[in-house]
């Protein structure tokens, strides 16, 4: 089955797995609101399918996984408008409410919102040359889809501070050593290994899988929603900063930003 063109869905009834593929290659799979809407709709749809017990989330077969938000579209948002539409809340809620295991198969870059997507998954398999990063500070904003919260819970305050405040990228092998990436493979094996794992998981009791995931997330997510709400509010607040506008303009003009620090 395929829904629209920016996000593709295939369901294998024989193995009870679904593959969700981000499919906006000309924009390095950067999120537009239309793409977010498609992904949210797909997650809601397969969450209700008894024929699906595990999911693989992938980008392009040769990468990237996802380069984050579409900067041109993001630059049009104001703080007022972001608060009015609760920007990105539909996406984070869709992952929070998804009851089946999701394996992120990361090839190439997972940056900004793309990294946050991988963090929202339950298991991460990555290519040995994959890179992860939250570079939002480079364009005058902060992560807004759970990055500050989830990265800190996994890596601790000090490492999260270093990565987020510098906007630096980190390799998959480094994150495997830190416990954020489950396993690293040569890029040609990432998707097949993720599918193999999904098929193994899908042989288990659907009810058991749902309860196990719920229990694990209960341990991980204590007070997460409070942090997510605060992060979202602070993220929206950056949209009216002069540095936000300069950062996005510089990105689109392919030059170094000149921040006024306001």
Protein backbone atom coordinates (compact mmCIF):
# COMPACT_ATOMS: atom_id res chain seq x y z
CA UNK A 1 0.00 0.00 0.00
CA UNK A 2 1.21 3.53 -0.75
CA UNK A 3 -0.13 6.77 0.70
CA UNK A 4 0.78 9.95 -1.17
CA UNK A 5 4.30 10.57 -2.43
CA UNK A 6 6.40 12.03 0.39
CA UNK A 7 5.91 9.08 2.71
CA UNK A 8 5.45 5.53 1.44
CA UNK A 9 3.92 2.61 3.29
CA UNK A 10 4.23 -1.07 2.50
CA UNK A 11 2.63 -3.83 4.58
CA UNK A 12 3.67 -7.47 4.44
CA UNK A 13 0.76 -9.48 5.80
CA UNK A 14 2.80 -12.71 5.68
CA UNK A 15 5.41 -11.40 8.16
CA UNK A 16 3.16 -8.86 9.96
CA UNK A 17 5.57 -5.97 9.44
CA UNK A 18 5.19 -2.56 7.84
CA UNK A 19 7.85 -0.38 6.28
CA UNK A 20 7.40 3.40 6.38
CA UNK A 21 9.75 5.16 3.98
CA UNK A 22 10.40 8.90 3.94
CA UNK A 23 10.43 9.82 0.28
CA UNK A 24 11.34 13.41 -0.44
CA UNK A 25 14.81 12.85 -1.90
CA UNK A 26 15.15 16.22 -3.63
CA UNK A 27 14.90 17.86 -0.18
CA UNK A 28 16.99 15.20 1.62
CA UNK A 29 13.71 14.04 3.20
CA UNK A 30 13.35 17.36 5.03
CA UNK A 31 9.91 17.67 6.60
CA UNK A 32 7.24 19.86 5.14
CA UNK A 33 3.91 20.15 6.96
CA UNK A 34 2.39 18.03 4.21
CA UNK A 35 4.97 15.32 4.87
CA UNK A 36 4.26 15.48 8.61
CA UNK A 37 0.54 15.13 7.91
CA UNK A 38 1.19 12.05 5.80
CA UNK A 39 3.41 10.42 8.42
CA UNK A 40 0.90 11.13 11.20
CA UNK A 41 -1.91 9.64 9.10
CA UNK A 42 0.13 6.52 8.33
CA UNK A 43 1.05 5.96 11.98
CA UNK A 44 -2.60 6.26 13.01
CA UNK A 45 -3.66 3.92 10.24
CA UNK A 46 -1.23 1.09 10.94
CA UNK A 47 -1.66 1.43 14.71
CA UNK A 48 -5.16 0.08 14.12
CA UNK A 49 -4.09 -2.75 11.80
CA UNK A 50 -4.10 -6.16 13.49
CA UNK A 51 -2.02 -7.45 10.59
CA UNK A 52 0.96 -5.28 11.63
CA UNK A 53 2.97 -6.13 14.76
CA UNK A 54 6.27 -4.32 14.06
CA UNK A 55 7.40 -1.38 11.94
CA UNK A 56 10.60 -0.30 10.18
CA UNK A 57 11.05 3.45 9.63
CA UNK A 58 13.53 4.24 6.86
CA UNK A 59 14.72 7.03 4.61
CA UNK A 60 16.13 6.62 1.13
CA UNK A 61 17.88 3.27 0.56
CA UNK A 62 21.21 5.07 -0.03
CA UNK A 63 20.49 7.87 2.44
CA UNK A 64 19.80 10.30 3.85
CA UNK A 65 17.41 9.23 6.58
CA UNK A 66 16.09 12.76 7.15
CA UNK A 67 17.74 16.18 7.18
CA UNK A 68 15.20 17.71 9.58
CA UNK A 69 12.64 20.44 8.97
CA UNK A 70 12.28 22.19 5.63
CA UNK A 71 14.08 25.45 6.51
CA UNK A 72 12.25 27.50 3.90
CA UNK A 73 8.90 26.46 5.32
CA UNK A 74 10.02 26.74 8.94
CA UNK A 75 11.24 30.30 8.40
CA UNK A 76 7.66 31.40 7.71
CA UNK A 77 6.48 30.52 11.24
CA UNK A 78 6.05 33.09 14.00
CA UNK A 79 5.83 32.31 17.71
CA UNK A 80 2.12 33.17 17.69
CA UNK A 81 1.38 30.92 14.73
CA UNK A 82 3.45 28.03 16.10
CA UNK A 83 1.53 28.22 19.39
CA UNK A 84 -1.79 28.50 17.59
CA UNK A 85 -1.28 25.33 15.56
CA UNK A 86 0.79 23.52 18.22
CA UNK A 87 3.46 22.97 15.61
CA UNK A 88 4.98 19.43 15.67
CA UNK A 89 2.70 18.28 18.51
CA UNK A 90 0.71 16.14 16.07
CA UNK A 91 3.93 14.36 15.08
CA UNK A 92 5.24 13.80 18.62
CA UNK A 93 1.78 12.69 19.77
CA UNK A 94 1.54 10.21 16.89
CA UNK A 95 4.76 8.53 18.03
CA UNK A 96 3.78 8.71 21.71
CA UNK A 97 0.44 7.02 20.98
CA UNK A 98 1.85 4.36 18.65
CA UNK A 99 1.59 1.02 20.43
CA UNK A 100 3.78 -1.17 18.20
CA UNK A 101 7.58 -1.45 18.13
CA UNK A 102 9.31 0.88 15.64
CA UNK A 103 12.83 0.23 14.38
CA UNK A 104 14.58 3.20 12.78
CA UNK A 105 16.89 2.12 9.95
CA UNK A 106 19.26 5.07 9.59
CA UNK A 107 21.41 5.41 6.49
CA UNK A 108 23.22 8.69 5.80
CA UNK A 109 22.27 11.74 7.82
CA UNK A 110 19.71 11.98 10.62
CA UNK A 111 19.83 15.66 11.52
CA UNK A 112 17.54 17.95 13.49
CA UNK A 113 14.01 16.60 13.24
CA UNK A 114 15.40 13.52 11.49
CA UNK A 115 17.46 12.69 14.58
CA UNK A 116 14.39 13.37 16.72
CA UNK A 117 12.43 10.87 14.62
CA UNK A 118 15.07 8.23 15.27
CA UNK A 119 15.03 9.08 18.98
CA UNK A 120 11.23 8.65 18.98
CA UNK A 121 11.62 5.12 17.58
CA UNK A 122 12.10 2.17 19.94
CA UNK A 123 15.25 0.68 18.41
CA UNK A 124 17.89 2.26 16.14
CA UNK A 125 19.91 0.32 13.57
CA UNK A 126 22.37 2.51 11.65
CA UNK A 127 24.95 2.44 8.90
CA UNK A 128 28.56 2.58 10.00
CA UNK A 129 28.91 5.93 8.19
CA UNK A 130 25.60 7.40 9.40
CA UNK A 131 25.72 10.72 11.25
CA UNK A 132 23.37 12.14 13.85
CA UNK A 133 23.08 15.69 15.10
CA UNK A 134 20.86 18.47 16.42
CA UNK A 135 22.23 21.53 14.59
CA UNK A 136 19.32 23.86 15.36
CA UNK A 137 21.50 26.23 17.41
CA UNK A 138 23.39 27.01 14.20
CA UNK A 139 20.30 28.72 12.79
CA UNK A 140 19.13 30.43 15.96
CA UNK A 141 16.64 27.94 17.32
CA UNK A 142 16.51 24.73 19.41
CA UNK A 143 15.22 21.20 18.87
CA UNK A 144 11.42 21.13 19.02
CA UNK A 145 10.32 17.51 18.60
CA UNK A 146 11.78 15.95 21.74
CA UNK A 147 15.50 16.29 21.06
CA UNK A 148 16.49 18.11 24.26
CA UNK A 149 14.44 15.70 26.36
CA UNK A 150 15.18 12.33 24.80
CA UNK A 151 18.88 12.92 24.18
CA UNK A 152 19.38 14.01 27.79
CA UNK A 153 17.54 10.96 29.10
CA UNK A 154 19.77 8.64 27.08
CA UNK A 155 23.16 10.38 27.33
CA UNK A 156 22.85 12.49 30.48
CA UNK A 157 23.02 16.26 30.90
CA UNK A 158 26.69 16.86 30.16
CA UNK A 159 26.91 14.99 26.85
CA UNK A 160 23.55 16.36 25.69
CA UNK A 161 24.68 19.89 26.54
CA UNK A 162 27.85 19.49 24.48
CA UNK A 163 26.05 18.10 21.43
CA UNK A 164 23.08 20.50 21.46
CA UNK A 165 24.94 23.71 22.40
CA UNK A 166 27.58 23.18 19.70
CA UNK A 167 25.25 21.72 17.06
CA UNK A 168 27.88 19.05 16.46
CA UNK A 169 27.25 15.78 14.65
CA UNK A 170 28.22 12.35 15.96
CA UNK A 171 28.82 9.10 14.10
CA UNK A 172 26.75 5.95 14.50
CA UNK A 173 29.68 3.95 15.97
CA UNK A 174 30.18 6.64 18.63
CA UNK A 175 26.50 6.55 19.52
CA UNK A 176 26.56 2.76 19.59
CA UNK A 177 29.29 2.97 22.24
CA UNK A 178 27.17 5.48 24.19
CA UNK A 179 24.14 3.18 24.06
CA UNK A 180 21.95 5.35 21.83
CA UNK A 181 22.27 3.24 18.65
CA UNK A 182 21.51 -0.46 19.10
CA UNK A 183 23.65 -1.86 16.31
CA UNK A 184 25.81 -0.63 13.43
CA UNK A 185 26.11 -2.34 10.03
CA UNK A 186 27.58 -1.62 6.61
CA UNK A 187 25.02 0.58 4.88
CA UNK A 188 23.92 -2.13 2.43
CA UNK A 189 22.84 -4.33 5.35
CA UNK A 190 21.02 -1.81 7.55
CA UNK A 191 17.53 -2.17 6.12
CA UNK A 192 17.69 -5.94 5.71
CA UNK A 193 18.87 -6.31 9.32
CA UNK A 194 16.14 -3.96 10.55
CA UNK A 195 13.55 -5.95 8.62
CA UNK A 196 14.94 -9.20 10.01
CA UNK A 197 14.62 -7.83 13.54
CA UNK A 198 11.09 -6.58 12.87
CA UNK A 199 10.11 -10.01 11.56
CA UNK A 200 11.52 -11.67 14.68
CA UNK A 201 9.62 -9.28 16.94
CA UNK A 202 6.44 -9.81 14.93
CA UNK A 203 6.44 -13.53 15.77
CA UNK A 204 5.66 -12.64 19.39
CA UNK A 205 2.25 -12.07 20.96
CA UNK A 206 0.77 -8.76 19.79
CA UNK A 207 -0.77 -8.22 23.22
CA UNK A 208 2.52 -9.05 24.91
CA UNK A 209 4.45 -6.67 22.66
CA UNK A 210 2.05 -3.82 23.39
CA UNK A 211 2.23 -4.36 27.14
CA UNK A 212 6.02 -4.69 27.12
CA UNK A 213 6.42 -1.46 25.15
CA UNK A 214 4.00 0.33 27.47
CA UNK A 215 5.92 -0.82 30.54
CA UNK A 216 9.31 0.21 29.14
CA UNK A 217 8.05 3.63 28.10
CA UNK A 218 6.51 4.14 31.53
CA UNK A 219 10.01 3.79 32.98
CA UNK A 220 11.56 6.08 30.38
CA UNK A 221 8.89 8.73 30.14
CA UNK A 222 8.37 9.76 33.75
CA UNK A 223 7.78 13.51 33.50
CA UNK A 224 8.70 13.44 29.79
CA UNK A 225 5.48 15.20 28.77
CA UNK A 226 6.26 18.12 31.07
CA UNK A 227 9.68 18.46 29.47
CA UNK A 228 8.24 18.10 25.96
CA UNK A 229 5.74 20.89 26.66
CA UNK A 230 8.48 23.19 27.94
CA UNK A 231 10.75 22.39 25.01
CA UNK A 232 7.95 23.12 22.54
CA UNK A 233 7.20 26.47 24.19
CA UNK A 234 10.87 27.51 24.11
CA UNK A 235 11.20 26.29 20.50
CA UNK A 236 8.25 28.43 19.43
CA UNK A 237 9.75 31.42 21.26
CA UNK A 238 12.79 31.31 18.96
CA UNK A 239 10.60 31.96 15.91
CA UNK A 240 10.38 35.69 16.67
CA UNK A 241 14.10 36.15 17.32
CA UNK A 242 16.17 38.21 14.92
CA UNK A 243 18.78 35.43 15.06
CA UNK A 244 16.16 32.90 13.96
CA UNK A 245 15.40 34.94 10.84
CA UNK A 246 19.09 35.54 10.15
CA UNK A 247 19.94 31.88 10.68
CA UNK A 248 17.33 30.69 8.23
CA UNK A 249 18.13 33.37 5.66
CA UNK A 250 21.84 32.47 5.85
CA UNK A 251 21.03 28.79 5.46
CA UNK A 252 18.92 29.41 2.36
CA UNK A 253 21.57 31.77 0.94
CA UNK A 254 24.32 29.22 1.75
CA UNK A 255 26.42 31.61 3.84
CA UNK A 256 27.61 31.97 7.41
CA UNK A 257 24.99 33.64 9.65
CA UNK A 258 25.77 36.96 11.32
CA UNK A 259 23.93 36.75 14.63
CA UNK A 260 22.95 39.92 16.47
CA UNK A 261 22.23 37.80 19.57
CA UNK A 262 18.67 39.11 19.79
